[in-house]
Each structure stands twice: as structure tokens, then as C-alpha cells.
């Protein structure tokens, strides 16, 4: 390479930005994923990345639920009063 000449990684044919990793999956899952990637006209890497992103997002709600459970487990007396008062108001309201 010549000094002063910059080559962007994205301009190199076949270069994929991001973390590269090797995984082992069952043959039937690989074949089904390969077919789906072709049908969706995207690379296997795109398919796997989107699938993992969706899976992680779906399970991140578990963290939110755990945080809310911890918050309400330590509910103060004032919050208990507010909850009780809110219930009374709702019971008297017409729906």
C-alpha cells in the first residue's frame, strides 16, 4: 500500500463490517435459514443478525419486568396510600 492512500474498509469487496463469529447450528436449521435468506434476498449474515436482534429484544422485556418487580417490592407507605386511594376513586367511577 502506498503512503497517504486511504482505503475504506467498506470499499473492499467481500468485507463485512461488524463482529465476525463462528457458530454451530443443526443442519436442518442451517438449510431452512439459507432458504429463507435467499427468499428474502439477503445474506445469511443479515438474516442471523436480524434474528438474534429480534430474540434479544423479545427477552429484554424480562429485564424490565424484573426491575419493575423489584421497584414495587420496595413500595413505600406513601405509594401504598396512593394505590389505595386510586382504587377507591376507580370503584366510584362509571365506566
PDB file of N, CA and C in Angstrom:
ATOM      1  N   UNK A   1       0.846  -1.171   0.000  1.00  0.00           N
ATOM      2  CA  UNK A   1       0.000   0.000   0.000  1.00  0.00           C
ATOM      3  C   UNK A   1       0.892   1.234   0.000  1.00  0.00           C
ATOM      4  N   UNK A   2       0.491   2.241  -0.719  1.00  0.00           N
ATOM      5  CA  UNK A   2       1.264   3.469  -0.818  1.00  0.00           C
ATOM      6  C   UNK A   2       0.950   4.392   0.351  1.00  0.00           C
ATOM      7  N   UNK A   3       1.987   5.079   0.885  1.00  0.00           N
ATOM      8  CA  UNK A   3       1.731   6.035   1.969  1.00  0.00           C
ATOM      9  C   UNK A   3       0.799   7.139   1.495  1.00  0.00           C
ATOM     10  N   UNK A   4      -0.109   7.544   2.379  1.00  0.00           N
ATOM     11  CA  UNK A   4      -1.033   8.633   2.057  1.00  0.00           C
ATOM     12  C   UNK A   4      -2.284   8.184   1.326  1.00  0.00           C
ATOM     13  N   UNK A   5      -2.363   6.926   0.933  1.00  0.00           N
ATOM     14  CA  UNK A   5      -3.566   6.424   0.260  1.00  0.00           C
ATOM     15  C   UNK A   5      -4.410   5.691   1.290  1.00  0.00           C
ATOM     16  N   UNK A   6      -5.638   6.125   1.429  1.00  0.00           N
ATOM     17  CA  UNK A   6      -6.542   5.533   2.415  1.00  0.00           C
ATOM     18  C   UNK A   6      -7.562   4.666   1.701  1.00  0.00           C
ATOM     19  N   UNK A   7      -7.761   3.477   2.209  1.00  0.00           N
ATOM     20  CA  UNK A   7      -8.766   2.578   1.645  1.00  0.00           C
ATOM     21  C   UNK A   7      -9.821   2.341   2.710  1.00  0.00           C
ATOM     22  N   UNK A   8     -11.054   2.708   2.415  1.00  0.00           N
ATOM     23  CA  UNK A   8     -12.146   2.448   3.354  1.00  0.00           C
ATOM     24  C   UNK A   8     -12.456   0.967   3.355  1.00  0.00           C
ATOM     25  N   UNK A   9     -12.689   0.430   4.554  1.00  0.00           N
ATOM     26  CA  UNK A   9     -12.985  -0.994   4.691  1.00  0.00           C
ATOM     27  C   UNK A   9     -14.230  -1.392   3.909  1.00  0.00           C
ATOM     28  N   UNK A  10     -15.199  -0.479   3.810  1.00  0.00           N
ATOM     29  CA  UNK A  10     -16.443  -0.810   3.125  1.00  0.00           C
ATOM     30  C   UNK A  10     -16.247  -0.939   1.621  1.00  0.00           C
ATOM     31  N   UNK A  11     -15.179  -0.356   1.102  1.00  0.00           N
ATOM     32  CA  UNK A  11     -14.973  -0.426  -0.335  1.00  0.00           C
ATOM     33  C   UNK A  11     -14.270  -1.712  -0.758  1.00  0.00           C
ATOM     34  N   UNK A  12     -13.803  -2.505   0.195  1.00  0.00           N
ATOM     35  CA  UNK A  12     -13.140  -3.767  -0.129  1.00  0.00           C
ATOM     36  C   UNK A  12     -14.210  -4.828  -0.383  1.00  0.00           C
ATOM     37  N   UNK A  13     -14.175  -5.428  -1.535  1.00  0.00           N
ATOM     38  CA  UNK A  13     -15.180  -6.428  -1.895  1.00  0.00           C
ATOM     39  C   UNK A  13     -15.142  -7.586  -0.908  1.00  0.00           C
ATOM     40  N   UNK A  14     -16.298  -7.963  -0.432  1.00  0.00           N
ATOM     41  CA  UNK A  14     -16.409  -9.103   0.463  1.00  0.00           C
ATOM     42  C   UNK A  14     -16.202  -8.779   1.933  1.00  0.00           C
ATOM     43  N   UNK A  15     -15.869  -7.538   2.245  1.00  0.00           N
ATOM     44  CA  UNK A  15     -15.667  -7.161   3.642  1.00  0.00           C
ATOM     45  C   UNK A  15     -17.016  -6.907   4.297  1.00  0.00           C
ATOM     46  N   UNK A  16     -17.215  -7.479   5.471  1.00  0.00           N
ATOM     47  CA  UNK A  16     -18.438  -7.270   6.226  1.00  0.00           C
ATOM     48  C   UNK A  16     -18.099  -6.541   7.511  1.00  0.00           C
ATOM     49  N   UNK A  17     -18.601  -5.306   7.682  1.00  0.00           N
ATOM     50  CA  UNK A  17     -18.318  -4.601   8.927  1.00  0.00           C
ATOM     51  C   UNK A  17     -19.041  -5.266  10.104  1.00  0.00           C
ATOM     52  N   UNK A  18     -18.463  -5.197  11.265  1.00  0.00           N
ATOM     53  CA  UNK A  18     -19.086  -5.778  12.450  1.00  0.00           C
ATOM     54  C   UNK A  18     -18.306  -6.988  12.934  1.00  0.00           C
ATOM     55  N   UNK A  19     -18.763  -7.542  14.028  1.00  0.00           N
ATOM     56  CA  UNK A  19     -18.108  -8.688  14.658  1.00  0.00           C
ATOM     57  C   UNK A  19     -18.338  -9.948  13.831  1.00  0.00           C
ATOM     58  N   UNK A  20     -17.273 -10.676  13.601  1.00  0.00           N
ATOM     59  CA  UNK A  20     -17.393 -11.960  12.923  1.00  0.00           C
ATOM     60  C   UNK A  20     -17.255 -13.048  13.973  1.00  0.00           C
ATOM     61  N   UNK A  21     -18.066 -14.082  13.858  1.00  0.00           N
ATOM     62  CA  UNK A  21     -18.025 -15.174  14.826  1.00  0.00           C
ATOM     63  C   UNK A  21     -18.408 -16.469  14.130  1.00  0.00           C
ATOM     64  N   UNK A  22     -18.004 -17.562  14.716  1.00  0.00           N
ATOM     65  CA  UNK A  22     -18.373 -18.871  14.177  1.00  0.00           C
ATOM     66  C   UNK A  22     -19.326 -19.538  15.163  1.00  0.00           C
ATOM     67  N   UNK A  23     -20.394 -20.103  14.641  1.00  0.00           N
ATOM     68  CA  UNK A  23     -21.360 -20.796  15.486  1.00  0.00           C
ATOM     69  C   UNK A  23     -21.661 -22.157  14.885  1.00  0.00           C
ATOM     70  N   UNK A  24     -22.138 -23.050  15.718  1.00  0.00           N
ATOM     71  CA  UNK A  24     -22.561 -24.363  15.243  1.00  0.00           C
ATOM     72  C   UNK A  24     -24.071 -24.462  15.393  1.00  0.00           C
ATOM     73  N   UNK A  25     -24.743 -24.819  14.310  1.00  0.00           N
ATOM     74  CA  UNK A  25     -26.194 -24.994  14.354  1.00  0.00           C
ATOM     75  C   UNK A  25     -26.538 -26.306  13.654  1.00  0.00           C
ATOM     76  N   UNK A  26     -27.672 -26.894  13.997  1.00  0.00           N
ATOM     77  CA  UNK A  26     -28.079 -28.141  13.346  1.00  0.00           C
ATOM     78  C   UNK A  26     -28.262 -27.939  11.837  1.00  0.00           C
ATOM     79  N   UNK A  27     -27.997 -28.987  11.082  1.00  0.00           N
ATOM     80  CA  UNK A  27     -28.102 -28.914   9.622  1.00  0.00           C
ATOM     81  C   UNK A  27     -29.470 -28.432   9.150  1.00  0.00           C
ATOM     82  N   UNK A  28     -30.545 -28.936   9.779  1.00  0.00           N
ATOM     83  CA  UNK A  28     -31.879 -28.555   9.316  1.00  0.00           C
ATOM     84  C   UNK A  28     -32.149 -27.069   9.533  1.00  0.00           C
ATOM     85  N   UNK A  29     -31.625 -26.511  10.619  1.00  0.00           N
ATOM     86  CA  UNK A  29     -31.789 -25.078  10.875  1.00  0.00           C
ATOM     87  C   UNK A  29     -30.992 -24.278   9.849  1.00  0.00           C
ATOM     88  N   UNK A  30     -29.778 -24.724   9.546  1.00  0.00           N
ATOM     89  CA  UNK A  30     -28.951 -24.044   8.556  1.00  0.00           C
ATOM     90  C   UNK A  30     -29.635 -24.028   7.196  1.00  0.00           C
ATOM     91  N   UNK A  31     -30.159 -25.172   6.782  1.00  0.00           N
ATOM     92  CA  UNK A  31     -30.810 -25.281   5.475  1.00  0.00           C
ATOM     93  C   UNK A  31     -32.043 -24.372   5.411  1.00  0.00           C
ATOM     94  N   UNK A  32     -32.855 -24.391   6.475  1.00  0.00           N
ATOM     95  CA  UNK A  32     -34.053 -23.547   6.499  1.00  0.00           C
ATOM     96  C   UNK A  32     -33.667 -22.063   6.480  1.00  0.00           C
ATOM     97  N   UNK A  33     -32.639 -21.688   7.228  1.00  0.00           N
ATOM     98  CA  UNK A  33     -32.188 -20.298   7.265  1.00  0.00           C
ATOM     99  C   UNK A  33     -31.628 -19.874   5.913  1.00  0.00           C
ATOM    100  N   UNK A  34     -30.875 -20.763   5.291  1.00  0.00           N
ATOM    101  CA  UNK A  34     -30.298 -20.470   3.980  1.00  0.00           C
ATOM    102  C   UNK A  34     -31.402 -20.225   2.946  1.00  0.00           C
ATOM    103  N   UNK A  35     -32.429 -21.056   2.980  1.00  0.00           N
ATOM    104  CA  UNK A  35     -33.553 -20.888   2.056  1.00  0.00           C
ATOM    105  C   UNK A  35     -34.293 -19.580   2.316  1.00  0.00           C
ATOM    106  N   UNK A  36     -34.502 -19.271   3.606  1.00  0.00           N
ATOM    107  CA  UNK A  36     -35.203 -18.036   3.945  1.00  0.00           C
ATOM    108  C   UNK A  36     -34.392 -16.817   3.519  1.00  0.00           C
ATOM    109  N   UNK A  37     -33.092 -16.852   3.732  1.00  0.00           N
ATOM    110  CA  UNK A  37     -32.228 -15.726   3.317  1.00  0.00           C
ATOM    111  C   UNK A  37     -32.337 -15.508   1.812  1.00  0.00           C
ATOM    112  N   UNK A  38     -32.314 -16.589   1.057  1.00  0.00           N
ATOM    113  CA  UNK A  38     -32.428 -16.481  -0.400  1.00  0.00           C
ATOM    114  C   UNK A  38     -33.802 -15.914  -0.797  1.00  0.00           C
ATOM    115  N   UNK A  39     -34.845 -16.402  -0.137  1.00  0.00           N
ATOM    116  CA  UNK A  39     -36.207 -15.935  -0.431  1.00  0.00           C
ATOM    117  C   UNK A  39     -36.346 -14.445  -0.124  1.00  0.00           C
ATOM    118  N   UNK A  40     -35.719 -13.999   0.975  1.00  0.00           N
ATOM    119  CA  UNK A  40     -35.800 -12.589   1.375  1.00  0.00           C
ATOM    120  C   UNK A  40     -34.767 -11.717   0.669  1.00  0.00           C
ATOM    121  N   UNK A  41     -33.939 -12.369  -0.168  1.00  0.00           N
ATOM    122  CA  UNK A  41     -32.882 -11.676  -0.915  1.00  0.00           C
ATOM    123  C   UNK A  41     -31.940 -10.902   0.014  1.00  0.00           C
ATOM    124  N   UNK A  42     -31.464 -11.623   1.037  1.00  0.00           N
ATOM    125  CA  UNK A  42     -30.488 -11.048   1.952  1.00  0.00           C
ATOM    126  C   UNK A  42     -29.432 -12.096   2.277  1.00  0.00           C
ATOM    127  N   UNK A  43     -28.327 -11.646   2.776  1.00  0.00           N
ATOM    128  CA  UNK A  43     -27.256 -12.583   3.097  1.00  0.00           C
ATOM    129  C   UNK A  43     -27.600 -13.364   4.363  1.00  0.00           C
ATOM    130  N   UNK A  44     -26.904 -14.482   4.557  1.00  0.00           N
ATOM    131  CA  UNK A  44     -27.071 -15.248   5.789  1.00  0.00           C
ATOM    132  C   UNK A  44     -26.721 -14.381   6.998  1.00  0.00           C
ATOM    133  N   UNK A  45     -25.671 -13.586   6.867  1.00  0.00           N
ATOM    134  CA  UNK A  45     -25.258 -12.722   7.977  1.00  0.00           C
ATOM    135  C   UNK A  45     -26.378 -11.754   8.357  1.00  0.00           C
ATOM    136  N   UNK A  46     -27.029 -11.174   7.363  1.00  0.00           N
ATOM    137  CA  UNK A  46     -28.143 -10.262   7.641  1.00  0.00           C
ATOM    138  C   UNK A  46     -29.280 -10.999   8.340  1.00  0.00           C
ATOM    139  N   UNK A  47     -29.595 -12.192   7.846  1.00  0.00           N
ATOM    140  CA  UNK A  47     -30.675 -12.979   8.433  1.00  0.00           C
ATOM    141  C   UNK A  47     -30.370 -13.325   9.879  1.00  0.00           C
ATOM    142  N   UNK A  48     -29.172 -13.846  10.143  1.00  0.00           N
ATOM    143  CA  UNK A  48     -28.807 -14.230  11.508  1.00  0.00           C
ATOM    144  C   UNK A  48     -28.763 -13.017  12.427  1.00  0.00           C
ATOM    145  N   UNK A  49     -28.243 -11.908  11.930  1.00  0.00           N
ATOM    146  CA  UNK A  49     -28.164 -10.697  12.740  1.00  0.00           C
ATOM    147  C   UNK A  49     -29.558 -10.209  13.120  1.00  0.00           C
ATOM    148  N   UNK A  50     -30.455 -10.189  12.158  1.00  0.00           N
ATOM    149  CA  UNK A  50     -31.828  -9.749  12.440  1.00  0.00           C
ATOM    150  C   UNK A  50     -32.531 -10.709  13.391  1.00  0.00           C
ATOM    151  N   UNK A  51     -32.305 -11.996  13.213  1.00  0.00           N
ATOM    152  CA  UNK A  51     -32.939 -12.993  14.074  1.00  0.00           C
ATOM    153  C   UNK A  51     -32.461 -12.855  15.520  1.00  0.00           C
ATOM    154  N   UNK A  52     -31.163 -12.696  15.704  1.00  0.00           N
ATOM    155  CA  UNK A  52     -30.625 -12.554  17.053  1.00  0.00           C
ATOM    156  C   UNK A  52     -31.085 -11.239  17.673  1.00  0.00           C
ATOM    157  N   UNK A  53     -31.094 -10.163  16.884  1.00  0.00           N
ATOM    158  CA  UNK A  53     -31.564  -8.859  17.382  1.00  0.00           C
ATOM    159  C   UNK A  53     -33.013  -8.965  17.877  1.00  0.00           C
ATOM    160  N   UNK A  54     -33.866  -9.637  17.106  1.00  0.00           N
ATOM    161  CA  UNK A  54     -35.267  -9.811  17.487  1.00  0.00           C
ATOM    162  C   UNK A  54     -35.384 -10.650  18.760  1.00  0.00           C
ATOM    163  N   UNK A  55     -34.604 -11.715  18.847  1.00  0.00           N
ATOM    164  CA  UNK A  55     -34.624 -12.601  20.014  1.00  0.00           C
ATOM    165  C   UNK A  55     -34.193 -11.848  21.274  1.00  0.00           C
ATOM    166  N   UNK A  56     -33.131 -11.066  21.157  1.00  0.00           N
ATOM    167  CA  UNK A  56     -32.632 -10.281  22.288  1.00  0.00           C
ATOM    168  C   UNK A  56     -33.684  -9.252  22.711  1.00  0.00           C
ATOM    169  N   UNK A  57     -34.310  -8.580  21.759  1.00  0.00           N
ATOM    170  CA  UNK A  57     -35.335  -7.585  22.077  1.00  0.00           C
ATOM    171  C   UNK A  57     -36.515  -8.234  22.797  1.00  0.00           C
ATOM    172  N   UNK A  58     -36.899  -9.409  22.351  1.00  0.00           N
ATOM    173  CA  UNK A  58     -38.022 -10.107  22.968  1.00  0.00           C
ATOM    174  C   UNK A  58     -37.715 -10.465  24.416  1.00  0.00           C
ATOM    175  N   UNK A  59     -36.468 -10.813  24.685  1.00  0.00           N
ATOM    176  CA  UNK A  59     -36.091 -11.219  26.039  1.00  0.00           C
ATOM    177  C   UNK A  59     -35.675 -10.056  26.925  1.00  0.00           C
ATOM    178  N   UNK A  60     -35.466  -8.886  26.352  1.00  0.00           N
ATOM    179  CA  UNK A  60     -35.096  -7.735  27.173  1.00  0.00           C
ATOM    180  C   UNK A  60     -36.271  -7.296  28.038  1.00  0.00           C
ATOM    181  N   UNK A  61     -37.487  -7.658  27.640  1.00  0.00           N
ATOM    182  CA  UNK A  61     -38.649  -7.329  28.470  1.00  0.00           C
ATOM    183  C   UNK A  61     -38.577  -8.047  29.810  1.00  0.00           C
ATOM    184  N   UNK A  62     -37.885  -9.192  29.872  1.00  0.00           N
ATOM    185  CA  UNK A  62     -37.698  -9.894  31.141  1.00  0.00           C
ATOM    186  C   UNK A  62     -36.943  -9.007  32.123  1.00  0.00           C
ATOM    187  N   UNK A  63     -35.938  -8.279  31.643  1.00  0.00           N
ATOM    188  CA  UNK A  63     -35.164  -7.374  32.488  1.00  0.00           C
ATOM    189  C   UNK A  63     -36.035  -6.229  32.999  1.00  0.00           C
ATOM    190  N   UNK A  64     -36.882  -5.705  32.129  1.00  0.00           N
ATOM    191  CA  UNK A  64     -37.772  -4.612  32.527  1.00  0.00           C
ATOM    192  C   UNK A  64     -38.747  -5.102  33.585  1.00  0.00           C
ATOM    193  N   UNK A  65     -39.317  -6.275  33.378  1.00  0.00           N
ATOM    194  CA  UNK A  65     -40.257  -6.842  34.345  1.00  0.00           C
ATOM    195  C   UNK A  65     -39.586  -7.057  35.695  1.00  0.00           C
ATOM    196  N   UNK A  66     -38.367  -7.591  35.681  1.00  0.00           N
ATOM    197  CA  UNK A  66     -37.639  -7.818  36.935  1.00  0.00           C
ATOM    198  C   UNK A  66     -37.368  -6.495  37.657  1.00  0.00           C
ATOM    199  N   UNK A  67     -37.006  -5.463  36.910  1.00  0.00           N
ATOM    200  CA  UNK A  67     -36.743  -4.154  37.517  1.00  0.00           C
ATOM    201  C   UNK A  67     -38.011  -3.578  38.127  1.00  0.00           C
ATOM    202  N   UNK A  68     -39.138  -3.690  37.426  1.00  0.00           N
ATOM    203  CA  UNK A  68     -40.401  -3.185  37.960  1.00  0.00           C
ATOM    204  C   UNK A  68     -40.840  -3.978  39.187  1.00  0.00           C
ATOM    205  N   UNK A  69     -40.658  -5.297  39.151  1.00  0.00           N
ATOM    206  CA  UNK A  69     -40.985  -6.131  40.313  1.00  0.00           C
ATOM    207  C   UNK A  69     -40.183  -5.698  41.528  1.00  0.00           C
ATOM    208  N   UNK A  70     -38.880  -5.443  41.328  1.00  0.00           N
ATOM    209  CA  UNK A  70     -38.023  -5.006  42.434  1.00  0.00           C
ATOM    210  C   UNK A  70     -38.468  -3.645  42.950  1.00  0.00           C
ATOM    211  N   UNK A  71     -38.846  -2.758  42.038  1.00  0.00           N
ATOM    212  CA  UNK A  71     -39.296  -1.430  42.432  1.00  0.00           C
ATOM    213  C   UNK A  71     -40.552  -1.518  43.287  1.00  0.00           C
ATOM    214  N   UNK A  72     -41.519  -2.284  42.842  1.00  0.00           N
ATOM    215  CA  UNK A  72     -42.779  -2.377  43.572  1.00  0.00           C
ATOM    216  C   UNK A  72     -42.664  -3.219  44.834  1.00  0.00           C
ATOM    217  N   UNK A  73     -41.687  -4.085  44.916  1.00  0.00           N
ATOM    218  CA  UNK A  73     -41.464  -4.868  46.134  1.00  0.00           C
ATOM    219  C   UNK A  73     -41.020  -3.954  47.266  1.00  0.00           C
ATOM    220  N   UNK A  74     -40.362  -2.845  46.927  1.00  0.00           N
ATOM    221  CA  UNK A  74     -39.880  -1.883  47.915  1.00  0.00           C
ATOM    222  C   UNK A  74     -40.795  -0.667  48.008  1.00  0.00           C
ATOM    223  N   UNK A  75     -42.041  -0.854  47.651  1.00  0.00           N
ATOM    224  CA  UNK A  75     -43.001   0.246  47.616  1.00  0.00           C
ATOM    225  C   UNK A  75     -43.133   0.862  49.011  1.00  0.00           C
ATOM    226  N   UNK A  76     -43.109   2.178  49.077  1.00  0.00           N
ATOM    227  CA  UNK A  76     -43.189   2.873  50.357  1.00  0.00           C
ATOM    228  C   UNK A  76     -44.637   2.959  50.846  1.00  0.00           C
ATOM    229  N   UNK A  77     -44.813   3.387  52.098  1.00  0.00           N
ATOM    230  CA  UNK A  77     -46.152   3.542  52.675  1.00  0.00           C
ATOM    231  C   UNK A  77     -46.957   4.565  51.893  1.00  0.00           C
ATOM    232  N   UNK A  78     -46.286   5.647  51.422  1.00  0.00           N
ATOM    233  CA  UNK A  78     -46.997   6.675  50.655  1.00  0.00           C
ATOM    234  C   UNK A  78     -47.543   6.100  49.350  1.00  0.00           C
ATOM    235  N   UNK A  79     -46.757   5.248  48.717  1.00  0.00           N
ATOM    236  CA  UNK A  79     -47.205   4.645  47.454  1.00  0.00           C
ATOM    237  C   UNK A  79     -48.380   3.715  47.723  1.00  0.00           C
ATOM    238  N   UNK A  80     -48.341   3.017  48.853  1.00  0.00           N
ATOM    239  CA  UNK A  80     -49.459   2.143  49.231  1.00  0.00           C
ATOM    240  C   UNK A  80     -50.728   2.952  49.423  1.00  0.00           C
ATOM    241  N   UNK A  81     -50.596   4.114  50.048  1.00  0.00           N
ATOM    242  CA  UNK A  81     -51.740   5.001  50.239  1.00  0.00           C
ATOM    243  C   UNK A  81     -52.273   5.462  48.887  1.00  0.00           C
ATOM    244  N   UNK A  82     -51.378   5.846  47.997  1.00  0.00           N
ATOM    245  CA  UNK A  82     -51.790   6.327  46.675  1.00  0.00           C
ATOM    246  C   UNK A  82     -52.522   5.228  45.913  1.00  0.00           C
ATOM    247  N   UNK A  83     -52.035   4.010  46.007  1.00  0.00           N
ATOM    248  CA  UNK A  83     -52.683   2.885  45.330  1.00  0.00           C
ATOM    249  C   UNK A  83     -54.079   2.664  45.888  1.00  0.00           C
ATOM    250  N   UNK A  84     -54.172   2.697  47.198  1.00  0.00           N
ATOM    251  CA  UNK A  84     -55.458   2.503  47.856  1.00  0.00           C
ATOM    252  C   UNK A  84     -56.439   3.604  47.484  1.00  0.00           C
ATOM    253  N   UNK A  85     -55.963   4.846  47.493  1.00  0.00           N
ATOM    254  CA  UNK A  85     -56.828   5.972  47.129  1.00  0.00           C
ATOM    255  C   UNK A  85     -57.262   5.862  45.674  1.00  0.00           C
ATOM    256  N   UNK A  86     -56.349   5.478  44.815  1.00  0.00           N
ATOM    257  CA  UNK A  86     -56.675   5.311  43.400  1.00  0.00           C
ATOM    258  C   UNK A  86     -57.737   4.259  43.182  1.00  0.00           C
ATOM    259  N   UNK A  87     -57.649   3.161  43.928  1.00  0.00           N
ATOM    260  CA  UNK A  87     -58.661   2.102  43.823  1.00  0.00           C
ATOM    261  C   UNK A  87     -60.041   2.623  44.217  1.00  0.00           C
ATOM    262  N   UNK A  88     -60.081   3.391  45.318  1.00  0.00           N
ATOM    263  CA  UNK A  88     -61.370   3.926  45.772  1.00  0.00           C
ATOM    264  C   UNK A  88     -61.984   4.839  44.716  1.00  0.00           C
ATOM    265  N   UNK A  89     -61.171   5.677  44.105  1.00  0.00           N
ATOM    266  CA  UNK A  89     -61.678   6.581  43.069  1.00  0.00           C
ATOM    267  C   UNK A  89     -62.207   5.781  41.890  1.00  0.00           C
ATOM    268  N   UNK A  90     -61.468   4.765  41.467  1.00  0.00           N
ATOM    269  CA  UNK A  90     -61.898   3.952  40.325  1.00  0.00           C
ATOM    270  C   UNK A  90     -63.176   3.174  40.627  1.00  0.00           C
ATOM    271  N   UNK A  91     -63.308   2.702  41.867  1.00  0.00           N
ATOM    272  CA  UNK A  91     -64.523   1.957  42.228  1.00  0.00           C
ATOM    273  C   UNK A  91     -65.761   2.837  42.166  1.00  0.00           C
ATOM    274  N   UNK A  92     -65.604   4.138  42.435  1.00  0.00           N
ATOM    275  CA  UNK A  92     -66.747   5.062  42.411  1.00  0.00           C
ATOM    276  C   UNK A  92     -67.008   5.638  41.031  1.00  0.00           C
ATOM    277  N   UNK A  93     -66.110   5.396  40.076  1.00  0.00           N
ATOM    278  CA  UNK A  93     -66.261   5.963  38.746  1.00  0.00           C
ATOM    279  C   UNK A  93     -67.106   5.081  37.863  1.00  0.00           C
ATOM    280  N   UNK A  94     -67.873   5.736  36.970  1.00  0.00           N
ATOM    281  CA  UNK A  94     -68.646   4.973  35.994  1.00  0.00           C
ATOM    282  C   UNK A  94     -67.781   4.655  34.787  1.00  0.00           C
ATOM    283  N   UNK A  95     -67.881   3.445  34.301  1.00  0.00           N
ATOM    284  CA  UNK A  95     -67.089   3.036  33.146  1.00  0.00           C
ATOM    285  C   UNK A  95     -67.969   3.006  31.967  1.00  0.00           C
TER     286      UNK A  95
END
